[in-house]
């Protein structure tokens, strides 16, 4: 699947651990989330094909949990335990 024409924000939402990959490459998927992967890679002088291949590997890995369908209180508890304790 070609990811280069998709916005970073959408990729971060749909591919587990994509946000960690974007942080590794210092790519802004939050405020700059509307820019495509190709544009973001070009601005950082990165090889988009390499990043695309890494995203493809991440997309193949099974989800441990689909947090998009989880109840809000459970999401909040998970965030507090994982990132704030």
N, C-alpha and C. Protein backbone atom coordinates (compact mmCIF):
# COMPACT_ATOMS: atom_id res chain seq x y z
N UNK A 1 0.85 -1.19 0.00
CA UNK A 1 0.00 0.00 0.00
C UNK A 1 0.88 1.24 0.00
N UNK A 2 0.52 2.22 -0.79
CA UNK A 2 1.27 3.48 -0.86
C UNK A 2 0.80 4.42 0.25
N UNK A 3 1.73 4.80 1.08
CA UNK A 3 1.41 5.70 2.19
C UNK A 3 1.83 7.13 1.89
N UNK A 4 2.65 7.33 0.87
CA UNK A 4 3.26 8.64 0.64
C UNK A 4 2.27 9.76 0.39
N UNK A 5 1.10 9.46 -0.13
CA UNK A 5 0.11 10.51 -0.42
C UNK A 5 -0.92 10.69 0.69
N UNK A 6 -0.73 10.00 1.80
CA UNK A 6 -1.66 10.11 2.92
C UNK A 6 -1.13 11.09 3.96
N UNK A 7 -2.02 11.82 4.63
CA UNK A 7 -1.59 12.76 5.67
C UNK A 7 -0.96 12.03 6.86
N UNK A 8 0.04 12.64 7.47
CA UNK A 8 0.70 12.05 8.63
C UNK A 8 -0.28 11.78 9.76
N UNK A 9 -1.19 12.72 10.00
CA UNK A 9 -2.15 12.55 11.09
C UNK A 9 -3.02 11.32 10.89
N UNK A 10 -3.44 11.08 9.66
CA UNK A 10 -4.27 9.91 9.36
C UNK A 10 -3.47 8.63 9.54
N UNK A 11 -2.23 8.64 9.10
CA UNK A 11 -1.37 7.46 9.27
C UNK A 11 -1.14 7.17 10.75
N UNK A 12 -0.94 8.22 11.54
CA UNK A 12 -0.73 8.04 12.97
C UNK A 12 -1.96 7.43 13.64
N UNK A 13 -3.13 7.77 13.14
CA UNK A 13 -4.37 7.23 13.71
C UNK A 13 -4.64 5.79 13.28
N UNK A 14 -4.26 5.44 12.09
CA UNK A 14 -4.65 4.14 11.56
C UNK A 14 -3.59 3.05 11.66
N UNK A 15 -2.34 3.42 11.87
CA UNK A 15 -1.27 2.42 11.97
C UNK A 15 -0.68 2.47 13.37
N UNK A 16 -0.86 1.40 14.13
CA UNK A 16 -0.29 1.38 15.48
C UNK A 16 1.23 1.59 15.44
N UNK A 17 1.71 2.40 16.34
CA UNK A 17 3.13 2.71 16.49
C UNK A 17 3.69 3.60 15.38
N UNK A 18 2.85 4.09 14.48
CA UNK A 18 3.33 5.02 13.45
C UNK A 18 3.78 6.33 14.09
N UNK A 19 3.10 6.74 15.14
CA UNK A 19 3.50 8.00 15.80
C UNK A 19 4.91 7.90 16.36
N UNK A 20 5.28 6.73 16.90
CA UNK A 20 6.65 6.54 17.40
C UNK A 20 7.66 6.63 16.25
N UNK A 21 7.30 6.07 15.11
CA UNK A 21 8.17 6.15 13.94
C UNK A 21 8.33 7.60 13.49
N UNK A 22 7.24 8.34 13.48
CA UNK A 22 7.31 9.75 13.08
C UNK A 22 8.16 10.56 14.06
N UNK A 23 8.05 10.25 15.35
CA UNK A 23 8.89 10.94 16.33
C UNK A 23 10.37 10.62 16.09
N UNK A 24 10.66 9.37 15.73
CA UNK A 24 12.03 8.96 15.45
C UNK A 24 12.63 9.79 14.31
N UNK A 25 11.81 10.11 13.32
CA UNK A 25 12.26 10.91 12.19
C UNK A 25 12.00 12.40 12.38
N UNK A 26 11.53 12.79 13.55
CA UNK A 26 11.23 14.19 13.87
C UNK A 26 10.23 14.78 12.87
N UNK A 27 9.19 14.00 12.57
CA UNK A 27 8.14 14.43 11.65
C UNK A 27 6.91 14.81 12.47
N UNK A 28 6.38 15.99 12.23
CA UNK A 28 5.25 16.51 12.99
C UNK A 28 3.93 15.93 12.46
N UNK A 29 3.38 14.98 13.19
CA UNK A 29 2.12 14.35 12.80
C UNK A 29 0.93 14.97 13.53
N UNK A 30 1.20 15.89 14.44
CA UNK A 30 0.12 16.51 15.22
C UNK A 30 -0.29 17.83 14.56
N UNK A 31 0.43 18.89 14.83
CA UNK A 31 0.11 20.19 14.23
C UNK A 31 0.34 20.18 12.73
N UNK A 32 1.33 19.41 12.29
CA UNK A 32 1.62 19.29 10.86
C UNK A 32 1.00 18.05 10.26
N UNK A 33 -0.01 17.51 10.93
CA UNK A 33 -0.61 16.24 10.52
C UNK A 33 -1.33 16.24 9.20
N UNK A 34 -1.61 17.41 8.65
CA UNK A 34 -2.31 17.46 7.36
C UNK A 34 -1.37 17.29 6.17
N UNK A 35 -0.06 17.45 6.42
CA UNK A 35 0.88 17.28 5.31
C UNK A 35 1.05 15.79 5.02
N UNK A 36 1.28 15.48 3.77
CA UNK A 36 1.44 14.08 3.37
C UNK A 36 2.80 13.55 3.82
N UNK A 37 2.90 12.25 3.85
CA UNK A 37 4.18 11.62 4.18
C UNK A 37 5.26 12.07 3.21
N UNK A 38 4.94 12.12 1.92
CA UNK A 38 5.92 12.54 0.91
C UNK A 38 6.41 13.96 1.18
N UNK A 39 5.50 14.86 1.49
CA UNK A 39 5.87 16.26 1.76
C UNK A 39 6.73 16.36 3.02
N UNK A 40 6.32 15.67 4.07
CA UNK A 40 7.07 15.73 5.32
C UNK A 40 8.47 15.15 5.15
N UNK A 41 8.58 14.04 4.42
CA UNK A 41 9.90 13.43 4.18
C UNK A 41 10.77 14.36 3.34
N UNK A 42 10.18 14.97 2.34
CA UNK A 42 10.92 15.88 1.48
C UNK A 42 11.46 17.07 2.27
N UNK A 43 10.65 17.60 3.15
CA UNK A 43 11.07 18.77 3.95
C UNK A 43 12.23 18.43 4.88
N UNK A 44 12.35 17.15 5.28
CA UNK A 44 13.43 16.71 6.17
C UNK A 44 14.56 16.04 5.39
N UNK A 45 14.47 16.01 4.06
CA UNK A 45 15.46 15.35 3.19
C UNK A 45 15.60 13.87 3.56
N UNK A 46 14.46 13.21 3.78
CA UNK A 46 14.42 11.79 4.13
C UNK A 46 13.95 10.98 2.93
N UNK A 47 14.33 9.72 2.90
CA UNK A 47 13.92 8.81 1.83
C UNK A 47 12.52 8.29 2.14
N UNK A 48 11.53 8.75 1.41
CA UNK A 48 10.14 8.38 1.68
C UNK A 48 9.92 6.88 1.50
N UNK A 49 10.66 6.25 0.59
CA UNK A 49 10.49 4.81 0.36
C UNK A 49 10.89 4.00 1.60
N UNK A 50 11.93 4.44 2.29
CA UNK A 50 12.37 3.75 3.51
C UNK A 50 11.29 3.87 4.59
N UNK A 51 10.75 5.07 4.76
CA UNK A 51 9.71 5.29 5.77
C UNK A 51 8.45 4.52 5.41
N UNK A 52 8.12 4.52 4.14
CA UNK A 52 6.95 3.76 3.66
C UNK A 52 7.09 2.27 3.97
N UNK A 53 8.28 1.73 3.76
CA UNK A 53 8.53 0.31 4.05
C UNK A 53 8.39 0.03 5.54
N UNK A 54 8.87 0.94 6.37
CA UNK A 54 8.73 0.76 7.82
C UNK A 54 7.26 0.83 8.24
N UNK A 55 6.51 1.74 7.64
CA UNK A 55 5.07 1.83 7.93
C UNK A 55 4.35 0.56 7.49
N UNK A 56 4.74 0.00 6.36
CA UNK A 56 4.11 -1.23 5.87
C UNK A 56 4.32 -2.37 6.86
N UNK A 57 5.52 -2.45 7.43
CA UNK A 57 5.79 -3.49 8.44
C UNK A 57 4.93 -3.27 9.68
N UNK A 58 4.81 -2.02 10.10
CA UNK A 58 3.98 -1.72 11.27
C UNK A 58 2.52 -2.05 11.01
N UNK A 59 2.05 -1.76 9.80
CA UNK A 59 0.65 -2.00 9.46
C UNK A 59 0.31 -3.48 9.45
N UNK A 60 1.30 -4.34 9.23
CA UNK A 60 1.07 -5.79 9.21
C UNK A 60 0.95 -6.38 10.60
N UNK A 61 1.47 -5.69 11.62
CA UNK A 61 1.46 -6.22 12.98
C UNK A 61 0.05 -6.14 13.55
N UNK A 62 -0.38 -7.19 14.23
CA UNK A 62 -1.74 -7.18 14.79
C UNK A 62 -1.87 -6.17 15.94
N UNK A 63 -3.06 -5.64 16.08
CA UNK A 63 -3.35 -4.72 17.17
C UNK A 63 -3.47 -5.49 18.48
N UNK A 64 -2.87 -4.96 19.53
CA UNK A 64 -3.08 -5.57 20.84
C UNK A 64 -4.44 -5.14 21.38
N UNK A 65 -4.88 -3.98 20.96
CA UNK A 65 -6.17 -3.45 21.39
C UNK A 65 -6.58 -2.33 20.44
N UNK A 66 -7.83 -2.31 20.02
CA UNK A 66 -8.32 -1.23 19.17
C UNK A 66 -8.85 -0.13 20.07
N UNK A 67 -7.99 0.82 20.37
CA UNK A 67 -8.35 1.89 21.31
C UNK A 67 -9.41 2.82 20.74
N UNK A 68 -9.61 2.82 19.43
CA UNK A 68 -10.64 3.69 18.85
C UNK A 68 -12.03 3.25 19.25
N UNK A 69 -12.19 1.97 19.62
CA UNK A 69 -13.50 1.44 20.00
C UNK A 69 -13.64 1.28 21.51
N UNK A 70 -12.61 1.61 22.27
CA UNK A 70 -12.65 1.43 23.72
C UNK A 70 -13.46 2.55 24.38
N UNK A 71 -14.09 2.24 25.52
CA UNK A 71 -14.82 3.27 26.26
C UNK A 71 -13.86 4.35 26.78
N UNK A 72 -14.32 5.58 26.80
CA UNK A 72 -13.49 6.71 27.20
C UNK A 72 -12.84 6.52 28.58
N UNK A 73 -13.56 6.08 29.61
CA UNK A 73 -12.91 5.90 30.91
C UNK A 73 -11.73 4.91 30.85
N UNK A 74 -11.85 3.89 30.03
CA UNK A 74 -10.77 2.91 29.89
C UNK A 74 -9.56 3.54 29.19
N UNK A 75 -9.82 4.38 28.21
CA UNK A 75 -8.73 5.07 27.51
C UNK A 75 -8.01 6.01 28.48
N UNK A 76 -8.76 6.74 29.26
CA UNK A 76 -8.17 7.66 30.23
C UNK A 76 -7.31 6.90 31.23
N UNK A 77 -7.83 5.80 31.76
CA UNK A 77 -7.05 4.99 32.70
C UNK A 77 -5.76 4.49 32.06
N UNK A 78 -5.85 4.04 30.84
CA UNK A 78 -4.66 3.54 30.13
C UNK A 78 -3.62 4.65 29.97
N UNK A 79 -4.05 5.82 29.58
CA UNK A 79 -3.12 6.94 29.39
C UNK A 79 -2.45 7.32 30.70
N UNK A 80 -3.23 7.39 31.77
CA UNK A 80 -2.67 7.76 33.07
C UNK A 80 -1.63 6.74 33.52
N UNK A 81 -1.99 5.46 33.44
CA UNK A 81 -1.07 4.41 33.88
C UNK A 81 0.18 4.34 33.00
N UNK A 82 -0.01 4.42 31.71
CA UNK A 82 1.12 4.22 30.79
C UNK A 82 2.03 5.44 30.68
N UNK A 83 1.45 6.63 30.72
CA UNK A 83 2.25 7.82 30.42
C UNK A 83 2.43 8.80 31.57
N UNK A 84 1.71 8.62 32.67
CA UNK A 84 1.78 9.63 33.73
C UNK A 84 2.15 9.08 35.10
N UNK A 85 2.19 7.80 35.27
CA UNK A 85 2.58 7.25 36.59
C UNK A 85 4.04 6.92 36.63
